[in-house]
Amino acid sequence: MNERITLFGSFTSSSSFKVMLYLTLARVPFSFRTVNLKTGAQNTPEYQAVNRYGKVPAVQHRGLTIVQSNVCLSYLASTTGHFEGRTEQDRWAAREWLDWEADRISNIAKVRHYSRFRSVDPAVMDYFRPLATDALDFVNKALEGREWLVGDAPTIADIGCWGRMVFMAEGGLEIENWPNVAAWSRRIQAMPGYAYPYDLVPKNDREIDPADAAVP
């Protein structure tokens, strides 16, 4: 049984970034296997044997295959013990945020995707952009007087939500319009091991041990 975690992901995927950011911040060694979305590698029989949805990321560990980024985060937190939440209430609240993220913050990713990778009718953007700003408004209000989304320390809620929001500027959403979100993002970026997605996620397969990196 393989004890080393294998992460399948893509360089431009915020979903991949979320899971890789977790592993890096937790300083957990892992193997990265790139899935080139531009060439359609996600649709090959070989990859769909790993993830039947043809999406990234996927995590393999101890004979298990885990897909969907927030499920991966929940699994990793419960398995490694990092960023899970200090109390049972915090642990459930963190997972509640991940569920909400998949429904609401995903609209920020859609605005970015349609701005950068795919031309759509302006009516499509007129639909998704207000949903994206509403999600940012909600997070901004939730962070009033708080440093983190759950409890008094970073959890998978922060990693999952920020990991989806990280590309917001590529969708024309300026983070400084949401000052609490901006301050929160700076706290996350100050965590030892943090790097921006294009600096963190490799373009090729790689064996990664965050403990070997130049991390404070």
C-alpha atoms as a PDB file:
ATOM      1  CA  MET A   1       0.000   0.000   0.000  1.00  0.00           C
ATOM      2  CA  ASN A   2       1.485   3.349  -1.088  1.00  0.00           C
ATOM      3  CA  GLU A   3       1.803   5.766   1.833  1.00  0.00           C
ATOM      4  CA  ARG A   4       2.972   8.619  -0.422  1.00  0.00           C
ATOM      5  CA  ILE A   5       0.225  10.916  -1.674  1.00  0.00           C
ATOM      6  CA  THR A   6      -0.124  11.330  -5.437  1.00  0.00           C
ATOM      7  CA  LEU A   7      -1.857  14.474  -6.698  1.00  0.00           C
ATOM      8  CA  PHE A   8      -3.132  14.686 -10.256  1.00  0.00           C
ATOM      9  CA  GLY A   9      -3.599  18.303 -11.321  1.00  0.00           C
ATOM     10  CA  SER A  10      -3.179  21.046 -13.878  1.00  0.00           C
ATOM     11  CA  PHE A  11      -1.116  24.231 -13.954  1.00  0.00           C
ATOM     12  CA  THR A  12      -4.057  26.566 -14.661  1.00  0.00           C
ATOM     13  CA  SER A  13      -6.608  24.919 -12.366  1.00  0.00           C
ATOM     14  CA  SER A  14      -7.674  26.675  -9.170  1.00  0.00           C
ATOM     15  CA  SER A  15      -9.060  23.336  -7.969  1.00  0.00           C
ATOM     16  CA  SER A  16      -5.598  21.793  -8.326  1.00  0.00           C
ATOM     17  CA  PHE A  17      -4.055  24.792  -6.586  1.00  0.00           C
ATOM     18  CA  LYS A  18      -6.294  24.340  -3.547  1.00  0.00           C
ATOM     19  CA  VAL A  19      -5.075  20.815  -2.895  1.00  0.00           C
ATOM     20  CA  MET A  20      -1.440  21.530  -3.728  1.00  0.00           C
ATOM     21  CA  LEU A  21      -1.511  24.584  -1.463  1.00  0.00           C
ATOM     22  CA  TYR A  22      -2.794  22.426   1.379  1.00  0.00           C
ATOM     23  CA  LEU A  23      -0.012  19.877   0.917  1.00  0.00           C
ATOM     24  CA  THR A  24       2.628  22.590   0.680  1.00  0.00           C
ATOM     25  CA  LEU A  25       1.441  24.514   3.750  1.00  0.00           C
ATOM     26  CA  ALA A  26       1.166  21.249   5.688  1.00  0.00           C
ATOM     27  CA  ARG A  27       4.652  20.283   4.429  1.00  0.00           C
ATOM     28  CA  VAL A  28       3.449  16.872   3.323  1.00  0.00           C
ATOM     29  CA  PRO A  29       5.621  15.146   0.678  1.00  0.00           C
ATOM     30  CA  PHE A  30       3.727  14.103  -2.458  1.00  0.00           C
ATOM     31  CA  SER A  31       4.040  13.106  -6.094  1.00  0.00           C
ATOM     32  CA  PHE A  32       2.560  15.484  -8.661  1.00  0.00           C
ATOM     33  CA  ARG A  33       1.216  14.098 -11.922  1.00  0.00           C
ATOM     34  CA  THR A  34       0.270  16.701 -14.492  1.00  0.00           C
ATOM     35  CA  VAL A  35      -2.972  16.447 -16.448  1.00  0.00           C
ATOM     36  CA  ASN A  36      -2.724  18.803 -19.426  1.00  0.00           C
ATOM     37  CA  LEU A  37      -6.206  20.237 -19.849  1.00  0.00           C
ATOM     38  CA  LYS A  38      -5.248  22.081 -23.035  1.00  0.00           C
ATOM     39  CA  THR A  39      -4.407  18.854 -24.836  1.00  0.00           C
ATOM     40  CA  GLY A  40      -7.425  17.010 -23.453  1.00  0.00           C
ATOM     41  CA  ALA A  41      -5.472  14.660 -21.186  1.00  0.00           C
ATOM     42  CA  GLN A  42      -8.426  14.719 -18.781  1.00  0.00           C
ATOM     43  CA  ASN A  43     -10.520  12.882 -21.393  1.00  0.00           C
ATOM     44  CA  THR A  44      -8.144   9.988 -21.995  1.00  0.00           C
ATOM     45  CA  PRO A  45      -9.145   6.497 -20.844  1.00  0.00           C
ATOM     46  CA  GLU A  46      -6.013   6.402 -18.682  1.00  0.00           C
ATOM     47  CA  TYR A  47      -6.983   9.463 -16.664  1.00  0.00           C
ATOM     48  CA  GLN A  48     -10.694   8.686 -16.578  1.00  0.00           C
ATOM     49  CA  ALA A  49      -9.736   5.415 -14.923  1.00  0.00           C
ATOM     50  CA  VAL A  50      -8.482   7.658 -12.113  1.00  0.00           C
ATOM     51  CA  ASN A  51     -11.284  10.247 -12.203  1.00  0.00           C
ATOM     52  CA  ARG A  52     -14.428   9.212 -14.032  1.00  0.00           C
ATOM     53  CA  TYR A  53     -15.572  12.854 -14.202  1.00  0.00           C
ATOM     54  CA  GLY A  54     -12.581  13.840 -16.323  1.00  0.00           C
ATOM     55  CA  LYS A  55     -11.717  16.688 -13.956  1.00  0.00           C
ATOM     56  CA  VAL A  56      -8.789  17.711 -11.786  1.00  0.00           C
ATOM     57  CA  PRO A  57      -7.670  17.252  -9.101  1.00  0.00           C
ATOM     58  CA  ALA A  58      -7.543  13.665  -7.943  1.00  0.00           C
ATOM     59  CA  VAL A  59      -5.659  12.274  -4.969  1.00  0.00           C
ATOM     60  CA  GLN A  60      -4.452   8.707  -4.565  1.00  0.00           C
ATOM     61  CA  HIS A  61      -3.305   7.542  -1.126  1.00  0.00           C
ATOM     62  CA  ARG A  62      -3.245   4.276   0.780  1.00  0.00           C
ATOM     63  CA  GLY A  63      -5.093   2.456  -1.983  1.00  0.00           C
ATOM     64  CA  LEU A  64      -7.838   5.088  -2.142  1.00  0.00           C
ATOM     65  CA  THR A  65      -8.735   7.481  -4.944  1.00  0.00           C
ATOM     66  CA  ILE A  66     -10.335  10.769  -3.859  1.00  0.00           C
ATOM     67  CA  VAL A  67     -11.757  13.280  -6.351  1.00  0.00           C
ATOM     68  CA  GLN A  68     -13.380  16.728  -6.180  1.00  0.00           C
ATOM     69  CA  SER A  69     -11.112  19.357  -4.629  1.00  0.00           C
ATOM     70  CA  ASN A  70     -13.077  19.985  -1.452  1.00  0.00           C
ATOM     71  CA  VAL A  71     -13.481  16.278  -0.763  1.00  0.00           C
ATOM     72  CA  CYS A  72      -9.710  15.996  -1.224  1.00  0.00           C
ATOM     73  CA  LEU A  73      -9.180  18.801   1.310  1.00  0.00           C
ATOM     74  CA  SER A  74     -11.504  17.144   3.806  1.00  0.00           C
ATOM     75  CA  TYR A  75      -9.726  13.809   3.365  1.00  0.00           C
ATOM     76  CA  LEU A  76      -6.267  15.316   3.733  1.00  0.00           C
ATOM     77  CA  ALA A  77      -7.241  17.275   6.829  1.00  0.00           C
ATOM     78  CA  SER A  78      -8.714  14.226   8.530  1.00  0.00           C
ATOM     79  CA  THR A  79      -5.749  12.052   7.463  1.00  0.00           C
ATOM     80  CA  THR A  80      -2.829  14.377   8.215  1.00  0.00           C
ATOM     81  CA  GLY A  81      -4.397  16.388  11.044  1.00  0.00           C
ATOM     82  CA  HIS A  82      -3.383  19.755   9.584  1.00  0.00           C
ATOM     83  CA  PHE A  83      -5.782  22.703   9.159  1.00  0.00           C
ATOM     84  CA  GLU A  84      -8.794  20.684  10.263  1.00  0.00           C
ATOM     85  CA  GLY A  85     -10.071  22.890  13.076  1.00  0.00           C
ATOM     86  CA  ARG A  86      -9.384  22.746  16.777  1.00  0.00           C
ATOM     87  CA  THR A  87     -12.847  21.729  17.962  1.00  0.00           C
ATOM     88  CA  GLU A  88     -15.526  19.461  16.559  1.00  0.00           C
ATOM     89  CA  GLN A  89     -17.663  22.533  15.830  1.00  0.00           C
ATOM     90  CA  ASP A  90     -14.762  24.117  13.929  1.00  0.00           C
ATOM     91  CA  ARG A  91     -14.219  20.968  11.905  1.00  0.00           C
ATOM     92  CA  TRP A  92     -17.842  20.858  10.787  1.00  0.00           C
ATOM     93  CA  ALA A  93     -17.925  24.611  10.181  1.00  0.00           C
ATOM     94  CA  ALA A  94     -14.861  24.337   7.941  1.00  0.00           C
ATOM     95  CA  ARG A  95     -16.569  21.671   5.855  1.00  0.00           C
ATOM     96  CA  GLU A  96     -19.706  23.795   5.738  1.00  0.00           C
ATOM     97  CA  TRP A  97     -17.639  26.588   4.174  1.00  0.00           C
ATOM     98  CA  LEU A  98     -16.270  24.147   1.596  1.00  0.00           C
ATOM     99  CA  ASP A  99     -19.779  23.107   0.633  1.00  0.00           C
ATOM    100  CA  TRP A 100     -20.819  26.756   0.307  1.00  0.00           C
ATOM    101  CA  GLU A 101     -17.681  27.501  -1.712  1.00  0.00           C
ATOM    102  CA  ALA A 102     -18.587  24.866  -4.294  1.00  0.00           C
ATOM    103  CA  ASP A 103     -21.977  26.517  -4.744  1.00  0.00           C
ATOM    104  CA  ARG A 104     -21.148  30.222  -4.520  1.00  0.00           C
ATOM    105  CA  ILE A 105     -17.432  31.031  -4.803  1.00  0.00           C
ATOM    106  CA  SER A 106     -17.305  28.834  -7.873  1.00  0.00           C
ATOM    107  CA  ASN A 107     -19.004  31.747  -9.647  1.00  0.00           C
ATOM    108  CA  ILE A 108     -15.765  33.728  -9.228  1.00  0.00           C
ATOM    109  CA  ALA A 109     -13.954  30.943 -11.067  1.00  0.00           C
ATOM    110  CA  LYS A 110     -16.566  31.045 -13.829  1.00  0.00           C
ATOM    111  CA  VAL A 111     -16.049  34.789 -14.324  1.00  0.00           C
ATOM    112  CA  ARG A 112     -12.316  34.214 -14.559  1.00  0.00           C
ATOM    113  CA  HIS A 113     -12.746  31.278 -16.958  1.00  0.00           C
ATOM    114  CA  TYR A 114     -15.075  33.162 -19.294  1.00  0.00           C
ATOM    115  CA  SER A 115     -12.825  36.217 -19.176  1.00  0.00           C
ATOM    116  CA  ARG A 116      -9.616  34.380 -19.990  1.00  0.00           C
ATOM    117  CA  PHE A 117     -10.225  31.024 -21.612  1.00  0.00           C
ATOM    118  CA  ARG A 118     -13.585  31.094 -23.359  1.00  0.00           C
ATOM    119  CA  SER A 119     -15.555  33.794 -25.169  1.00  0.00           C
ATOM    120  CA  VAL A 120     -19.229  33.840 -24.242  1.00  0.00           C
ATOM    121  CA  ASP A 121     -22.228  36.011 -24.933  1.00  0.00           C
ATOM    122  CA  PRO A 122     -22.143  39.146 -22.713  1.00  0.00           C
ATOM    123  CA  ALA A 123     -25.428  37.986 -21.196  1.00  0.00           C
ATOM    124  CA  VAL A 124     -23.585  35.052 -19.647  1.00  0.00           C
ATOM    125  CA  MET A 125     -21.168  37.397 -17.882  1.00  0.00           C
ATOM    126  CA  ASP A 126     -24.074  39.614 -16.858  1.00  0.00           C
ATOM    127  CA  TYR A 127     -25.482  36.571 -15.090  1.00  0.00           C
ATOM    128  CA  PHE A 128     -22.347  35.275 -13.376  1.00  0.00           C
ATOM    129  CA  ARG A 129     -20.604  38.514 -12.391  1.00  0.00           C
ATOM    130  CA  PRO A 130     -23.286  39.595  -9.853  1.00  0.00           C
ATOM    131  CA  LEU A 131     -23.194  36.100  -8.348  1.00  0.00           C
ATOM    132  CA  ALA A 132     -19.416  36.410  -8.000  1.00  0.00           C
ATOM    133  CA  THR A 133     -19.613  39.820  -6.335  1.00  0.00           C
ATOM    134  CA  ASP A 134     -22.367  38.573  -4.009  1.00  0.00           C
ATOM    135  CA  ALA A 135     -20.070  35.741  -2.892  1.00  0.00           C
ATOM    136  CA  LEU A 136     -17.257  38.204  -2.252  1.00  0.00           C
ATOM    137  CA  ASP A 137     -19.625  40.457  -0.318  1.00  0.00           C
ATOM    138  CA  PHE A 138     -20.615  37.504   1.870  1.00  0.00           C
ATOM    139  CA  VAL A 139     -17.017  36.493   2.622  1.00  0.00           C
ATOM    140  CA  ASN A 140     -16.063  40.111   3.277  1.00  0.00           C
ATOM    141  CA  LYS A 141     -18.860  40.440   5.840  1.00  0.00           C
ATOM    142  CA  ALA A 142     -18.013  37.072   7.429  1.00  0.00           C
ATOM    143  CA  LEU A 143     -14.454  38.292   8.022  1.00  0.00           C
ATOM    144  CA  GLU A 144     -15.462  41.445   9.897  1.00  0.00           C
ATOM    145  CA  GLY A 145     -13.493  41.408  13.153  1.00  0.00           C
ATOM    146  CA  ARG A 146     -11.988  38.012  12.312  1.00  0.00           C
ATOM    147  CA  GLU A 147      -8.655  36.809  10.987  1.00  0.00           C
ATOM    148  CA  TRP A 148      -9.892  33.437   9.708  1.00  0.00           C
ATOM    149  CA  LEU A 149     -13.180  32.009   8.479  1.00  0.00           C
ATOM    150  CA  VAL A 150     -13.386  29.428  11.267  1.00  0.00           C
ATOM    151  CA  GLY A 151     -12.012  29.633  14.791  1.00  0.00           C
ATOM    152  CA  ASP A 152      -8.752  31.408  15.544  1.00  0.00           C
ATOM    153  CA  ALA A 153      -6.423  29.610  13.140  1.00  0.00           C
ATOM    154  CA  PRO A 154      -6.348  28.799   9.421  1.00  0.00           C
ATOM    155  CA  THR A 155      -8.323  25.742   8.315  1.00  0.00           C
ATOM    156  CA  ILE A 156      -9.313  24.003   5.106  1.00  0.00           C
ATOM    157  CA  ALA A 157     -12.099  26.605   4.891  1.00  0.00           C
ATOM    158  CA  ASP A 158      -9.521  29.342   4.278  1.00  0.00           C
ATOM    159  CA  ILE A 159      -7.445  27.208   1.926  1.00  0.00           C
ATOM    160  CA  GLY A 160     -10.469  26.049  -0.050  1.00  0.00           C
ATOM    161  CA  CYS A 161     -12.146  29.433  -0.367  1.00  0.00           C
ATOM    162  CA  TRP A 162      -9.011  31.454  -1.118  1.00  0.00           C
ATOM    163  CA  GLY A 163      -7.748  28.749  -3.467  1.00  0.00           C
ATOM    164  CA  ARG A 164     -10.836  29.253  -5.610  1.00  0.00           C
ATOM    165  CA  MET A 165     -10.701  33.055  -5.371  1.00  0.00           C
ATOM    166  CA  VAL A 166      -6.985  33.428  -6.067  1.00  0.00           C
ATOM    167  CA  PHE A 167      -7.469  34.139  -9.794  1.00  0.00           C
ATOM    168  CA  MET A 168     -10.205  36.744  -9.244  1.00  0.00           C
ATOM    169  CA  ALA A 169      -8.159  39.574 -10.786  1.00  0.00           C
ATOM    170  CA  GLU A 170      -8.060  37.629 -14.062  1.00  0.00           C
ATOM    171  CA  GLY A 171     -11.837  38.035 -14.112  1.00  0.00           C
ATOM    172  CA  GLY A 172     -11.660  41.774 -13.483  1.00  0.00           C
ATOM    173  CA  LEU A 173     -12.567  41.482  -9.803  1.00  0.00           C
ATOM    174  CA  GLU A 174     -10.282  43.808  -7.838  1.00  0.00           C
ATOM    175  CA  ILE A 175      -9.699  42.417  -4.361  1.00  0.00           C
ATOM    176  CA  GLU A 176      -9.167  45.823  -2.742  1.00  0.00           C
ATOM    177  CA  ASN A 177     -12.889  46.475  -3.275  1.00  0.00           C
ATOM    178  CA  TRP A 178     -13.390  43.959  -0.445  1.00  0.00           C
ATOM    179  CA  PRO A 179     -10.978  45.140   2.281  1.00  0.00           C
ATOM    180  CA  ASN A 180     -11.594  42.292   4.734  1.00  0.00           C
ATOM    181  CA  VAL A 181     -11.019  39.758   1.970  1.00  0.00           C
ATOM    182  CA  ALA A 182      -7.848  41.590   0.929  1.00  0.00           C
ATOM    183  CA  ALA A 183      -6.466  41.552   4.498  1.00  0.00           C
ATOM    184  CA  TRP A 184      -7.385  37.874   4.895  1.00  0.00           C
ATOM    185  CA  SER A 185      -5.651  36.999   1.624  1.00  0.00           C
ATOM    186  CA  ARG A 186      -2.487  38.713   2.830  1.00  0.00           C
ATOM    187  CA  ARG A 187      -2.555  36.606   6.008  1.00  0.00           C
ATOM    188  CA  ILE A 188      -2.829  33.451   3.931  1.00  0.00           C
ATOM    189  CA  GLN A 189      -0.027  34.586   1.622  1.00  0.00           C
ATOM    190  CA  ALA A 190       2.182  35.224   4.656  1.00  0.00           C
ATOM    191  CA  MET A 191       1.934  31.583   5.749  1.00  0.00           C
ATOM    192  CA  PRO A 192       5.235  29.658   5.409  1.00  0.00           C
ATOM    193  CA  GLY A 193       5.284  27.800   2.113  1.00  0.00           C
ATOM    194  CA  TYR A 194       2.671  29.878   0.326  1.00  0.00           C
ATOM    195  CA  ALA A 195       3.223  30.623  -3.357  1.00  0.00           C
ATOM    196  CA  TYR A 196       1.059  31.978  -6.153  1.00  0.00           C
ATOM    197  CA  PRO A 197      -0.472  29.237  -8.338  1.00  0.00           C
ATOM    198  CA  TYR A 198       1.735  29.836 -11.373  1.00  0.00           C
ATOM    199  CA  ASP A 199       4.785  29.577  -9.103  1.00  0.00           C
ATOM    200  CA  LEU A 200       3.528  26.627  -7.089  1.00  0.00           C
ATOM    201  CA  VAL A 201       1.890  24.195  -9.511  1.00  0.00           C
ATOM    202  CA  PRO A 202       4.390  22.480 -11.846  1.00  0.00           C
ATOM    203  CA  LYS A 203       3.834  22.034 -15.568  1.00  0.00           C
ATOM    204  CA  ASN A 204       5.424  18.562 -15.461  1.00  0.00           C
ATOM    205  CA  ASP A 205       5.422  15.511 -13.226  1.00  0.00           C
ATOM    206  CA  ARG A 206       7.458  16.058 -10.100  1.00  0.00           C
ATOM    207  CA  GLU A 207       8.314  14.580  -6.726  1.00  0.00           C
ATOM    208  CA  ILE A 208       7.786  17.284  -4.108  1.00  0.00           C
ATOM    209  CA  ASP A 209       8.926  17.481  -0.515  1.00  0.00           C
ATOM    210  CA  PRO A 210       7.980  20.903   0.898  1.00  0.00           C
ATOM    211  CA  ALA A 211      10.401  20.370   3.776  1.00  0.00           C
ATOM    212  CA  ASP A 212      13.276  20.515   1.270  1.00  0.00           C
ATOM    213  CA  ALA A 213      12.139  23.865  -0.158  1.00  0.00           C
ATOM    214  CA  ALA A 214      13.357  27.250   0.976  1.00  0.00           C
ATOM    215  CA  VAL A 215      10.436  27.696   3.331  1.00  0.00           C
ATOM    216  CA  PRO A 216      10.763  29.907   6.426  1.00  0.00           C
END
